[in-house]
Amino acid sequence: YARAADALGVDILQHTPVTGINCSEGKIKSVQTNHGEIFA
């Protein structure tokens, strides 16, 4: 699955734990990781 997803352009980030989930007005905003904030 990782190989097939990568071939379709999916970024696979290992050793990237999520340390926080940021929400605003009841809606998802971003996730906090050891690489910083990633918006989604």
Full PDB file with SEQRES, HELIX, SHEET, SSBOND, CRYST1, ORIGX, SCALE, CONECT and MASTER records, all heavy atoms in Angstrom:
SEQRES   1 A   40  TYR ALA ARG ALA ALA ASP ALA LEU GLY VAL ASP ILE LEU          
SEQRES   2 A   40  GLN HIS THR PRO VAL THR GLY ILE ASN CYS SER GLU GLY          
SEQRES   3 A   40  LYS ILE LYS SER VAL GLN THR ASN HIS GLY GLU ILE PHE          
SEQRES   4 A   40  ALA                                                          
HELIX    1 AA1 ALA A    2  ALA A    7  1                                   6    
SHEET    1 AA1 3 VAL A  18  SER A  24  0                                        
SHEET    2 AA1 3 LYS A  27  THR A  33 -1                                        
SHEET    3 AA1 3 GLY A  36  PHE A  39 -1                                        
CRYST1    1.000    1.000    1.000  90.00  90.00  90.00 P 1           1          
ORIGX1      1.000000  0.000000  0.000000        0.00000                         
ORIGX2      0.000000  1.000000  0.000000        0.00000                         
ORIGX3      0.000000  0.000000  1.000000        0.00000                         
SCALE1      1.000000  0.000000  0.000000        0.00000                         
SCALE2      0.000000  1.000000  0.000000        0.00000                         
SCALE3      0.000000  0.000000  1.000000        0.00000                         
ATOM      1  N   TYR A   1       0.829  -1.209   0.000  1.00  0.00           N  
ATOM      2  CA  TYR A   1       0.000   0.000   0.000  1.00  0.00           C  
ATOM      3  C   TYR A   1       0.861   1.256   0.000  1.00  0.00           C  
ATOM      4  O   TYR A   1       0.543   2.251  -0.675  1.00  0.00           O  
ATOM      5  CB  TYR A   1      -0.940   0.002   1.212  1.00  0.00           C  
ATOM      6  CG  TYR A   1      -2.264  -0.678   0.957  1.00  0.00           C  
ATOM      7  CD1 TYR A   1      -2.682  -1.746   1.747  1.00  0.00           C  
ATOM      8  CD2 TYR A   1      -3.106  -0.250  -0.065  1.00  0.00           C  
ATOM      9  CE1 TYR A   1      -3.905  -2.373   1.514  1.00  0.00           C  
ATOM     10  CE2 TYR A   1      -4.327  -0.862  -0.305  1.00  0.00           C  
ATOM     11  CZ  TYR A   1      -4.726  -1.924   0.493  1.00  0.00           C  
ATOM     12  OH  TYR A   1      -5.935  -2.534   0.252  1.00  0.00           O  
ATOM     13  N   ALA A   2       1.968   1.245   0.762  1.00  0.00           N  
ATOM     14  CA  ALA A   2       2.852   2.413   0.806  1.00  0.00           C  
ATOM     15  C   ALA A   2       3.449   2.694  -0.572  1.00  0.00           C  
ATOM     16  O   ALA A   2       3.479   3.846  -1.034  1.00  0.00           O  
ATOM     17  CB  ALA A   2       3.963   2.184   1.831  1.00  0.00           C  
ATOM     18  N   ARG A   3       3.891   1.646  -1.235  1.00  0.00           N  
ATOM     19  CA  ARG A   3       4.499   1.792  -2.564  1.00  0.00           C  
ATOM     20  C   ARG A   3       3.489   2.327  -3.573  1.00  0.00           C  
ATOM     21  O   ARG A   3       3.784   3.249  -4.345  1.00  0.00           O  
ATOM     22  CB  ARG A   3       5.039   0.433  -3.008  1.00  0.00           C  
ATOM     23  CG  ARG A   3       5.602   0.377  -4.416  1.00  0.00           C  
ATOM     24  CD  ARG A   3       6.210  -0.997  -4.663  1.00  0.00           C  
ATOM     25  NE  ARG A   3       6.655  -1.159  -6.044  1.00  0.00           N  
ATOM     26  CZ  ARG A   3       5.882  -1.661  -7.006  1.00  0.00           C  
ATOM     27  NH1 ARG A   3       4.653  -2.056  -6.740  1.00  0.00           N  
ATOM     28  NH2 ARG A   3       6.353  -1.778  -8.245  1.00  0.00           N  
ATOM     29  N   ALA A   4       2.277   1.770  -3.552  1.00  0.00           N  
ATOM     30  CA  ALA A   4       1.247   2.189  -4.504  1.00  0.00           C  
ATOM     31  C   ALA A   4       0.774   3.608  -4.215  1.00  0.00           C  
ATOM     32  O   ALA A   4       0.532   4.391  -5.144  1.00  0.00           O  
ATOM     33  CB  ALA A   4       0.078   1.210  -4.460  1.00  0.00           C  
ATOM     34  N   ALA A   5       0.640   3.963  -2.931  1.00  0.00           N  
ATOM     35  CA  ALA A   5       0.223   5.318  -2.574  1.00  0.00           C  
ATOM     36  C   ALA A   5       1.291   6.331  -2.964  1.00  0.00           C  
ATOM     37  O   ALA A   5       0.987   7.408  -3.495  1.00  0.00           O  
ATOM     38  CB  ALA A   5      -0.065   5.394  -1.071  1.00  0.00           C  
ATOM     39  N   ASP A   6       2.553   5.994  -2.707  1.00  0.00           N  
ATOM     40  CA  ASP A   6       3.663   6.878  -3.071  1.00  0.00           C  
ATOM     41  C   ASP A   6       3.684   7.132  -4.578  1.00  0.00           C  
ATOM     42  O   ASP A   6       3.926   8.259  -5.025  1.00  0.00           O  
ATOM     43  CB  ASP A   6       4.980   6.256  -2.613  1.00  0.00           C  
ATOM     44  CG  ASP A   6       6.185   7.078  -3.021  1.00  0.00           C  
ATOM     45  OD1 ASP A   6       6.514   8.043  -2.308  1.00  0.00           O  
ATOM     46  OD2 ASP A   6       6.798   6.761  -4.070  1.00  0.00           O  
ATOM     47  N   ALA A   7       3.389   6.103  -5.358  1.00  0.00           N  
ATOM     48  CA  ALA A   7       3.380   6.254  -6.816  1.00  0.00           C  
ATOM     49  C   ALA A   7       2.290   7.210  -7.280  1.00  0.00           C  
ATOM     50  O   ALA A   7       2.394   7.805  -8.359  1.00  0.00           O  
ATOM     51  CB  ALA A   7       3.191   4.887  -7.476  1.00  0.00           C  
ATOM     52  N   LEU A   8       1.244   7.378  -6.458  1.00  0.00           N  
ATOM     53  CA  LEU A   8       0.157   8.296  -6.790  1.00  0.00           C  
ATOM     54  C   LEU A   8       0.379   9.689  -6.214  1.00  0.00           C  
ATOM     55  O   LEU A   8      -0.499  10.541  -6.277  1.00  0.00           O  
ATOM     56  CB  LEU A   8      -1.170   7.721  -6.280  1.00  0.00           C  
ATOM     57  CG  LEU A   8      -1.641   6.430  -6.975  1.00  0.00           C  
ATOM     58  CD1 LEU A   8      -2.840   5.839  -6.252  1.00  0.00           C  
ATOM     59  CD2 LEU A   8      -1.971   6.703  -8.436  1.00  0.00           C  
ATOM     60  N   GLY A   9       1.550   9.915  -5.596  1.00  0.00           N  
ATOM     61  CA  GLY A   9       1.909  11.245  -5.112  1.00  0.00           C  
ATOM     62  C   GLY A   9       1.717  11.481  -3.633  1.00  0.00           C  
ATOM     63  O   GLY A   9       1.902  12.610  -3.150  1.00  0.00           O  
ATOM     64  N   VAL A  10       1.355  10.443  -2.869  1.00  0.00           N  
ATOM     65  CA  VAL A  10       1.158  10.593  -1.428  1.00  0.00           C  
ATOM     66  C   VAL A  10       2.514  10.726  -0.735  1.00  0.00           C  
ATOM     67  O   VAL A  10       3.447   9.966  -1.031  1.00  0.00           O  
ATOM     68  CB  VAL A  10       0.387   9.382  -0.863  1.00  0.00           C  
ATOM     69  CG1 VAL A  10       0.299   9.457   0.658  1.00  0.00           C  
ATOM     70  CG2 VAL A  10      -1.001   9.309  -1.485  1.00  0.00           C  
ATOM     71  N   ASP A  11       2.638  11.698   0.178  1.00  0.00           N  
ATOM     72  CA  ASP A  11       3.865  11.864   0.971  1.00  0.00           C  
ATOM     73  C   ASP A  11       3.795  10.973   2.207  1.00  0.00           C  
ATOM     74  O   ASP A  11       2.845  11.071   2.995  1.00  0.00           O  
ATOM     75  CB  ASP A  11       4.040  13.323   1.412  1.00  0.00           C  
ATOM     76  CG  ASP A  11       4.473  14.228   0.273  1.00  0.00           C  
ATOM     77  OD1 ASP A  11       4.724  13.713  -0.838  1.00  0.00           O  
ATOM     78  OD2 ASP A  11       4.545  15.452   0.482  1.00  0.00           O  
ATOM     79  N   ILE A  12       4.777  10.118   2.376  1.00  0.00           N  
ATOM     80  CA  ILE A  12       4.827   9.218   3.533  1.00  0.00           C  
ATOM     81  C   ILE A  12       5.926   9.710   4.467  1.00  0.00           C  
ATOM     82  O   ILE A  12       7.098   9.758   4.090  1.00  0.00           O  
ATOM     83  CB  ILE A  12       5.077   7.767   3.081  1.00  0.00           C  
ATOM     84  CG1 ILE A  12       3.890   7.289   2.230  1.00  0.00           C  
ATOM     85  CG2 ILE A  12       5.282   6.857   4.277  1.00  0.00           C  
ATOM     86  CD1 ILE A  12       4.113   5.960   1.563  1.00  0.00           C  
ATOM     87  N   LEU A  13       5.525  10.084   5.674  1.00  0.00           N  
ATOM     88  CA  LEU A  13       6.449  10.695   6.635  1.00  0.00           C  
ATOM     89  C   LEU A  13       6.587   9.790   7.846  1.00  0.00           C  
ATOM     90  O   LEU A  13       5.696   9.731   8.706  1.00  0.00           O  
ATOM     91  CB  LEU A  13       5.938  12.072   7.056  1.00  0.00           C  
ATOM     92  CG  LEU A  13       5.667  13.062   5.902  1.00  0.00           C  
ATOM     93  CD1 LEU A  13       4.904  14.268   6.397  1.00  0.00           C  
ATOM     94  CD2 LEU A  13       6.973  13.490   5.248  1.00  0.00           C  
ATOM     95  N   GLN A  14       7.699   9.064   7.911  1.00  0.00           N  
ATOM     96  CA  GLN A  14       7.964   8.208   9.049  1.00  0.00           C  
ATOM     97  C   GLN A  14       8.611   9.020  10.174  1.00  0.00           C  
ATOM     98  O   GLN A  14       9.157  10.090   9.950  1.00  0.00           O  
ATOM     99  CB  GLN A  14       8.875   7.054   8.632  1.00  0.00           C  
ATOM    100  CG  GLN A  14       8.275   6.171   7.544  1.00  0.00           C  
ATOM    101  CD  GLN A  14       9.159   4.987   7.203  1.00  0.00           C  
ATOM    102  OE1 GLN A  14       9.161   3.978   7.904  1.00  0.00           O  
ATOM    103  NE2 GLN A  14       9.915   5.102   6.120  1.00  0.00           N  
ATOM    104  N   HIS A  15       8.545   8.470  11.399  1.00  0.00           N  
ATOM    105  CA  HIS A  15       9.120   9.118  12.581  1.00  0.00           C  
ATOM    106  C   HIS A  15       8.613  10.552  12.725  1.00  0.00           C  
ATOM    107  O   HIS A  15       9.367  11.492  13.005  1.00  0.00           O  
ATOM    108  CB  HIS A  15      10.656   9.087  12.511  1.00  0.00           C  
ATOM    109  CG  HIS A  15      11.205   7.705  12.296  1.00  0.00           C  
ATOM    110  ND1 HIS A  15      11.129   6.715  13.250  1.00  0.00           N  
ATOM    111  CD2 HIS A  15      11.786   7.127  11.202  1.00  0.00           C  
ATOM    112  CE1 HIS A  15      11.664   5.600  12.772  1.00  0.00           C  
ATOM    113  NE2 HIS A  15      12.061   5.819  11.543  1.00  0.00           N  
ATOM    114  N   THR A  16       7.295  10.702  12.511  1.00  0.00           N  
ATOM    115  CA  THR A  16       6.651  12.014  12.613  1.00  0.00           C  
ATOM    116  C   THR A  16       5.434  11.892  13.523  1.00  0.00           C  
ATOM    117  O   THR A  16       4.288  11.810  13.067  1.00  0.00           O  
ATOM    118  CB  THR A  16       6.233  12.524  11.210  1.00  0.00           C  
ATOM    119  OG1 THR A  16       7.355  12.449  10.325  1.00  0.00           O  
ATOM    120  CG2 THR A  16       5.732  13.954  11.272  1.00  0.00           C  
ATOM    121  N   PRO A  17       5.649  11.855  14.847  1.00  0.00           N  
ATOM    122  CA  PRO A  17       4.507  11.711  15.763  1.00  0.00           C  
ATOM    123  C   PRO A  17       3.665  12.984  15.821  1.00  0.00           C  
ATOM    124  O   PRO A  17       4.194  14.098  15.737  1.00  0.00           O  
ATOM    125  CB  PRO A  17       5.175  11.434  17.111  1.00  0.00           C  
ATOM    126  CG  PRO A  17       6.538  12.040  16.997  1.00  0.00           C  
ATOM    127  CD  PRO A  17       6.946  11.886  15.556  1.00  0.00           C  
ATOM    128  N   VAL A  18       2.360  12.798  15.963  1.00  0.00           N  
ATOM    129  CA  VAL A  18       1.454  13.922  16.159  1.00  0.00           C  
ATOM    130  C   VAL A  18       1.392  14.215  17.659  1.00  0.00           C  
ATOM    131  O   VAL A  18       1.038  13.347  18.460  1.00  0.00           O  
ATOM    132  CB  VAL A  18       0.050  13.603  15.604  1.00  0.00           C  
ATOM    133  CG1 VAL A  18      -0.950  14.682  16.019  1.00  0.00           C  
ATOM    134  CG2 VAL A  18       0.104  13.487  14.089  1.00  0.00           C  
ATOM    135  N   THR A  19       1.747  15.430  18.029  1.00  0.00           N  
ATOM    136  CA  THR A  19       1.791  15.814  19.453  1.00  0.00           C  
ATOM    137  C   THR A  19       0.633  16.720  19.850  1.00  0.00           C  
ATOM    138  O   THR A  19       0.453  17.013  21.022  1.00  0.00           O  
ATOM    139  CB  THR A  19       3.125  16.516  19.763  1.00  0.00           C  
ATOM    140  OG1 THR A  19       3.278  17.642  18.877  1.00  0.00           O  
ATOM    141  CG2 THR A  19       4.298  15.569  19.559  1.00  0.00           C  
ATOM    142  N   GLY A  20      -0.139  17.157  18.869  1.00  0.00           N  
ATOM    143  CA  GLY A  20      -1.280  18.013  19.171  1.00  0.00           C  
ATOM    144  C   GLY A  20      -2.178  18.169  17.967  1.00  0.00           C  
ATOM    145  O   GLY A  20      -1.739  18.028  16.819  1.00  0.00           O  
ATOM    146  N   ILE A  21      -3.471  18.417  18.235  1.00  0.00           N  
ATOM    147  CA  ILE A  21      -4.438  18.684  17.168  1.00  0.00           C  
ATOM    148  C   ILE A  21      -5.043  20.056  17.433  1.00  0.00           C  
ATOM    149  O   ILE A  21      -5.601  20.299  18.508  1.00  0.00           O  
ATOM    150  CB  ILE A  21      -5.535  17.599  17.127  1.00  0.00           C  
ATOM    151  CG1 ILE A  21      -4.914  16.246  16.741  1.00  0.00           C  
ATOM    152  CG2 ILE A  21      -6.637  17.975  16.146  1.00  0.00           C  
ATOM    153  CD1 ILE A  21      -5.906  15.091  16.742  1.00  0.00           C  
ATOM    154  N   ASN A  22      -4.915  20.944  16.469  1.00  0.00           N  
ATOM    155  CA  ASN A  22      -5.374  22.320  16.630  1.00  0.00           C  
ATOM    156  C   ASN A  22      -6.719  22.511  15.923  1.00  0.00           C  
ATOM    157  O   ASN A  22      -6.850  22.232  14.730  1.00  0.00           O  
ATOM    158  CB  ASN A  22      -4.343  23.305  16.054  1.00  0.00           C  
ATOM    159  CG  ASN A  22      -2.974  23.131  16.695  1.00  0.00           C  
ATOM    160  OD1 ASN A  22      -2.872  22.925  17.906  1.00  0.00           O  
ATOM    161  ND2 ASN A  22      -1.917  23.221  15.893  1.00  0.00           N  
ATOM    162  N   CYS A  23      -7.699  22.971  16.678  1.00  0.00           N  
ATOM    163  CA  CYS A  23      -9.029  23.218  16.134  1.00  0.00           C  
ATOM    164  C   CYS A  23      -9.393  24.682  16.326  1.00  0.00           C  
ATOM    165  O   CYS A  23      -8.901  25.348  17.243  1.00  0.00           O  
ATOM    166  CB  CYS A  23     -10.078  22.334  16.823  1.00  0.00           C  
ATOM    167  SG  CYS A  23      -9.692  20.575  16.785  1.00  0.00           S  
ATOM    168  N   SER A  24     -10.270  25.175  15.470  1.00  0.00           N  
ATOM    169  CA  SER A  24     -10.742  26.556  15.571  1.00  0.00           C  
ATOM    170  C   SER A  24     -12.227  26.586  15.243  1.00  0.00           C  
ATOM    171  O   SER A  24     -12.643  26.135  14.165  1.00  0.00           O  
ATOM    172  CB  SER A  24      -9.969  27.456  14.601  1.00  0.00           C  
ATOM    173  OG  SER A  24     -10.454  28.768  14.630  1.00  0.00           O  
ATOM    174  N   GLU A  25     -13.031  27.055  16.199  1.00  0.00           N  
ATOM    175  CA  GLU A  25     -14.483  27.155  16.033  1.00  0.00           C  
ATOM    176  C   GLU A  25     -15.101  25.814  15.646  1.00  0.00           C  
ATOM    177  O   GLU A  25     -15.945  25.723  14.743  1.00  0.00           O  
ATOM    178  CB  GLU A  25     -14.830  28.232  14.995  1.00  0.00           C  
ATOM    179  CG  GLU A  25     -14.346  29.621  15.391  1.00  0.00           C  
ATOM    180  CD  GLU A  25     -14.646  30.672  14.333  1.00  0.00           C  
ATOM    181  OE1 GLU A  25     -15.062  30.289  13.222  1.00  0.00           O  
ATOM    182  OE2 GLU A  25     -14.452  31.867  14.616  1.00  0.00           O  
ATOM    183  N   GLY A  26     -14.644  24.757  16.334  1.00  0.00           N  
ATOM    184  CA  GLY A  26     -15.211  23.436  16.102  1.00  0.00           C  
ATOM    185  C   GLY A  26     -14.808  22.781  14.807  1.00  0.00           C  
ATOM    186  O   GLY A  26     -15.436  21.799  14.367  1.00  0.00           O  
ATOM    187  N   LYS A  27     -13.732  23.272  14.180  1.00  0.00           N  
ATOM    188  CA  LYS A  27     -13.285  22.750  12.891  1.00  0.00           C  
ATOM    189  C   LYS A  27     -11.785  22.479  12.947  1.00  0.00           C  
ATOM    190  O   LYS A  27     -11.040  23.226  13.576  1.00  0.00           O  
ATOM    191  CB  LYS A  27     -13.618  23.765  11.791  1.00  0.00           C  
ATOM    192  CG  LYS A  27     -13.297  23.310  10.380  1.00  0.00           C  
ATOM    193  CD  LYS A  27     -13.714  24.382   9.372  1.00  0.00           C  
ATOM    194  CE  LYS A  27     -13.381  23.959   7.944  1.00  0.00           C  
ATOM    195  NZ  LYS A  27     -13.764  24.999   6.960  1.00  0.00           N  
ATOM    196  N   ILE A  28     -11.348  21.426  12.280  1.00  0.00           N  
ATOM    197  CA  ILE A  28      -9.927  21.075  12.277  1.00  0.00           C  
ATOM    198  C   ILE A  28      -9.123  22.156  11.559  1.00  0.00           C  
ATOM    199  O   ILE A  28      -9.564  22.718  10.542  1.00  0.00           O  
ATOM    200  CB  ILE A  28      -9.693  19.687  11.622  1.00  0.00           C  
ATOM    201  CG1 ILE A  28      -8.294  19.161  11.939  1.00  0.00           C  
ATOM    202  CG2 ILE A  28      -9.921  19.725  10.120  1.00  0.00           C  
ATOM    203  CD1 ILE A  28      -8.108  18.721  13.349  1.00  0.00           C  
ATOM    204  N   LYS A  29      -7.972  22.458  12.114  1.00  0.00           N  
ATOM    205  CA  LYS A  29      -7.113  23.486  11.526  1.00  0.00           C  
ATOM    206  C   LYS A  29      -5.766  22.889  11.109  1.00  0.00           C  
ATOM    207  O   LYS A  29      -5.325  23.050   9.975  1.00  0.00           O  
ATOM    208  CB  LYS A  29      -6.906  24.619  12.531  1.00  0.00           C  
ATOM    209  CG  LYS A  29      -5.982  25.729  12.065  1.00  0.00           C  
ATOM    210  CD  LYS A  29      -5.719  26.721  13.213  1.00  0.00           C  
ATOM    211  CE  LYS A  29      -4.650  27.727  12.840  1.00  0.00           C  
ATOM    212  NZ  LYS A  29      -4.256  28.554  14.007  1.00  0.00           N  
ATOM    213  N   SER A  30      -5.116  22.182  12.045  1.00  0.00           N  
ATOM    214  CA  SER A  30      -3.783  21.658  11.759  1.00  0.00           C  
ATOM    215  C   SER A  30      -3.429  20.591  12.779  1.00  0.00           C  
ATOM    216  O   SER A  30      -4.137  20.392  13.767  1.00  0.00           O  
ATOM    217  CB  SER A  30      -2.732  22.781  11.787  1.00  0.00           C  
ATOM    218  OG  SER A  30      -2.670  23.345  13.099  1.00  0.00           O  
ATOM    219  N   VAL A  31      -2.315  19.917  12.522  1.00  0.00           N  
ATOM    220  CA  VAL A  31      -1.762  18.986  13.505  1.00  0.00           C  
ATOM    221  C   VAL A  31      -0.354  19.449  13.858  1.00  0.00           C  
ATOM    222  O   VAL A  31       0.367  20.000  13.021  1.00  0.00           O  
ATOM    223  CB  VAL A  31      -1.732  17.528  12.976  1.00  0.00           C  
ATOM    224  CG1 VAL A  31      -3.135  16.997  12.784  1.00  0.00           C  
ATOM    225  CG2 VAL A  31      -0.917  17.408  11.689  1.00  0.00           C  
ATOM    226  N   GLN A  32       0.002  19.255  15.100  1.00  0.00           N  
ATOM    227  CA  GLN A  32       1.334  19.625  15.583  1.00  0.00           C  
ATOM    228  C   GLN A  32       2.213  18.377  15.577  1.00  0.00           C  
ATOM    229  O   GLN A  32       1.809  17.316  16.088  1.00  0.00           O  
ATOM    230  CB  GLN A  32       1.233  20.193  16.999  1.00  0.00           C  
ATOM    231  CG  GLN A  32       2.403  21.055  17.406  1.00  0.00           C  
ATOM    232  CD  GLN A  32       2.412  22.396  16.666  1.00  0.00           C  
ATOM    233  OE1 GLN A  32       1.366  22.967  16.419  1.00  0.00           O  
ATOM    234  NE2 GLN A  32       3.607  22.875  16.319  1.00  0.00           N  
ATOM    235  N   THR A  33       3.394  18.467  14.994  1.00  0.00           N  
ATOM    236  CA  THR A  33       4.316  17.325  14.923  1.00  0.00           C  
ATOM    237  C   THR A  33       5.708  17.751  15.355  1.00  0.00           C  
ATOM    238  O   THR A  33       5.955  18.933  15.630  1.00  0.00           O  
ATOM    239  CB  THR A  33       4.393  16.758  13.485  1.00  0.00           C  
ATOM    240  OG1 THR A  33       5.149  17.669  12.661  1.00  0.00           O  
ATOM    241  CG2 THR A  33       3.006  16.570  12.883  1.00  0.00           C  
ATOM    242  N   ASN A  34       6.629  16.798  15.388  1.00  0.00           N  
ATOM    243  CA  ASN A  34       8.017  17.137  15.705  1.00  0.00           C  
ATOM    244  C   ASN A  34       8.687  17.912  14.576  1.00  0.00           C  
ATOM    245  O   ASN A  34       9.801  18.404  14.730  1.00  0.00           O  
ATOM    246  CB  ASN A  34       8.809  15.860  16.035  1.00  0.00           C  
ATOM    247  CG  ASN A  34       8.802  14.861  14.896  1.00  0.00           C  
ATOM    248  OD1 ASN A  34       7.975  14.937  13.989  1.00  0.00           O  
ATOM    249  ND2 ASN A  34       9.721  13.910  14.924  1.00  0.00           N  
ATOM    250  N   HIS A  35       8.009  18.006  13.414  1.00  0.00           N  
ATOM    251  CA  HIS A  35       8.502  18.831  12.305  1.00  0.00           C  
ATOM    252  C   HIS A  35       7.789  20.178  12.258  1.00  0.00           C  
ATOM    253  O   HIS A  35       7.919  20.910  11.277  1.00  0.00           O  
ATOM    254  CB  HIS A  35       8.306  18.103  10.971  1.00  0.00           C  
ATOM    255  CG  HIS A  35       9.163  16.885  10.809  1.00  0.00           C  
ATOM    256  ND1 HIS A  35      10.536  16.932  10.719  1.00  0.00           N  
ATOM    257  CD2 HIS A  35       8.845  15.569  10.747  1.00  0.00           C  
ATOM    258  CE1 HIS A  35      11.030  15.709  10.593  1.00  0.00           C  
ATOM    259  NE2 HIS A  35      10.012  14.857  10.610  1.00  0.00           N  
ATOM    260  N   GLY A  36       7.019  20.476  13.290  1.00  0.00           N  
ATOM    261  CA  GLY A  36       6.281  21.731  13.322  1.00  0.00           C  
ATOM    262  C   GLY A  36       4.813  21.528  12.980  1.00  0.00           C  
ATOM    263  O   GLY A  36       4.314  20.404  12.904  1.00  0.00           O  
ATOM    264  N   GLU A  37       4.128  22.630  12.752  1.00  0.00           N  
ATOM    265  CA  GLU A  37       2.689  22.591  12.477  1.00  0.00           C  
ATOM    266  C   GLU A  37       2.444  22.270  11.002  1.00  0.00           C  
ATOM    267  O   GLU A  37       3.069  22.843  10.116  1.00  0.00           O  
ATOM    268  CB  GLU A  37       2.059  23.935  12.841  1.00  0.00           C  
ATOM    269  CG  GLU A  37       0.540  23.923  12.833  1.00  0.00           C  
ATOM    270  CD  GLU A  37      -0.048  25.238  13.341  1.00  0.00           C  
ATOM    271  OE1 GLU A  37       0.696  26.242  13.393  1.00  0.00           O  
ATOM    272  OE2 GLU A  37      -1.242  25.259  13.688  1.00  0.00           O  
ATOM    273  N   ILE A  38       1.526  21.337  10.759  1.00  0.00           N  
ATOM    274  CA  ILE A  38       1.139  20.976   9.394  1.00  0.00           C  
ATOM    275  C   ILE A  38      -0.353  21.268   9.247  1.00  0.00           C  
ATOM    276  O   ILE A  38      -1.180  20.677   9.949  1.00  0.00           O  
ATOM    277  CB  ILE A  38       1.434  19.491   9.090  1.00  0.00           C  
ATOM    278  CG1 ILE A  38       2.936  19.205   9.216  1.00  0.00           C  
ATOM    279  CG2 ILE A  38       0.935  19.122   7.696  1.00  0.00           C  
ATOM    280  CD1 ILE A  38       3.306  17.731   9.038  1.00  0.00           C  
ATOM    281  N   PHE A  39      -0.700  22.174   8.343  1.00  0.00           N  
ATOM    282  CA  PHE A  39      -2.099  22.555   8.143  1.00  0.00           C  
ATOM    283  C   PHE A  39      -2.789  21.526   7.245  1.00  0.00           C  
ATOM    284  O   PHE A  39      -2.168  20.940   6.351  1.00  0.00           O  
ATOM    285  CB  PHE A  39      -2.190  23.950   7.525  1.00  0.00           C  
ATOM    286  CG  PHE A  39      -1.721  25.040   8.453  1.00  0.00           C  
ATOM    287  CD1 PHE A  39      -0.379  25.411   8.484  1.00  0.00           C  
ATOM    288  CD2 PHE A  39      -2.618  25.666   9.307  1.00  0.00           C  
ATOM    289  CE1 PHE A  39       0.067  26.405   9.344  1.00  0.00           C  
ATOM    290  CE2 PHE A  39      -2.183  26.661  10.170  1.00  0.00           C  
ATOM    291  CZ  PHE A  39      -0.842  27.032  10.199  1.00  0.00           C  
ATOM    292  N   ALA A  40      -4.070  21.329   7.492  1.00  0.00           N  
ATOM    293  CA  ALA A  40      -4.805  20.322   6.727  1.00  0.00           C  
ATOM    294  C   ALA A  40      -6.269  20.710   6.617  1.00  0.00           C  
ATOM    295  O   ALA A  40      -6.867  21.204   7.586  1.00  0.00           O  
ATOM    296  CB  ALA A  40      -4.679  18.958   7.395  1.00  0.00           C  
TER     297      ALA A  40                                                      
MASTER        0    0    0    1    3    0    0    6  296    1    0    4          
END                                                                             
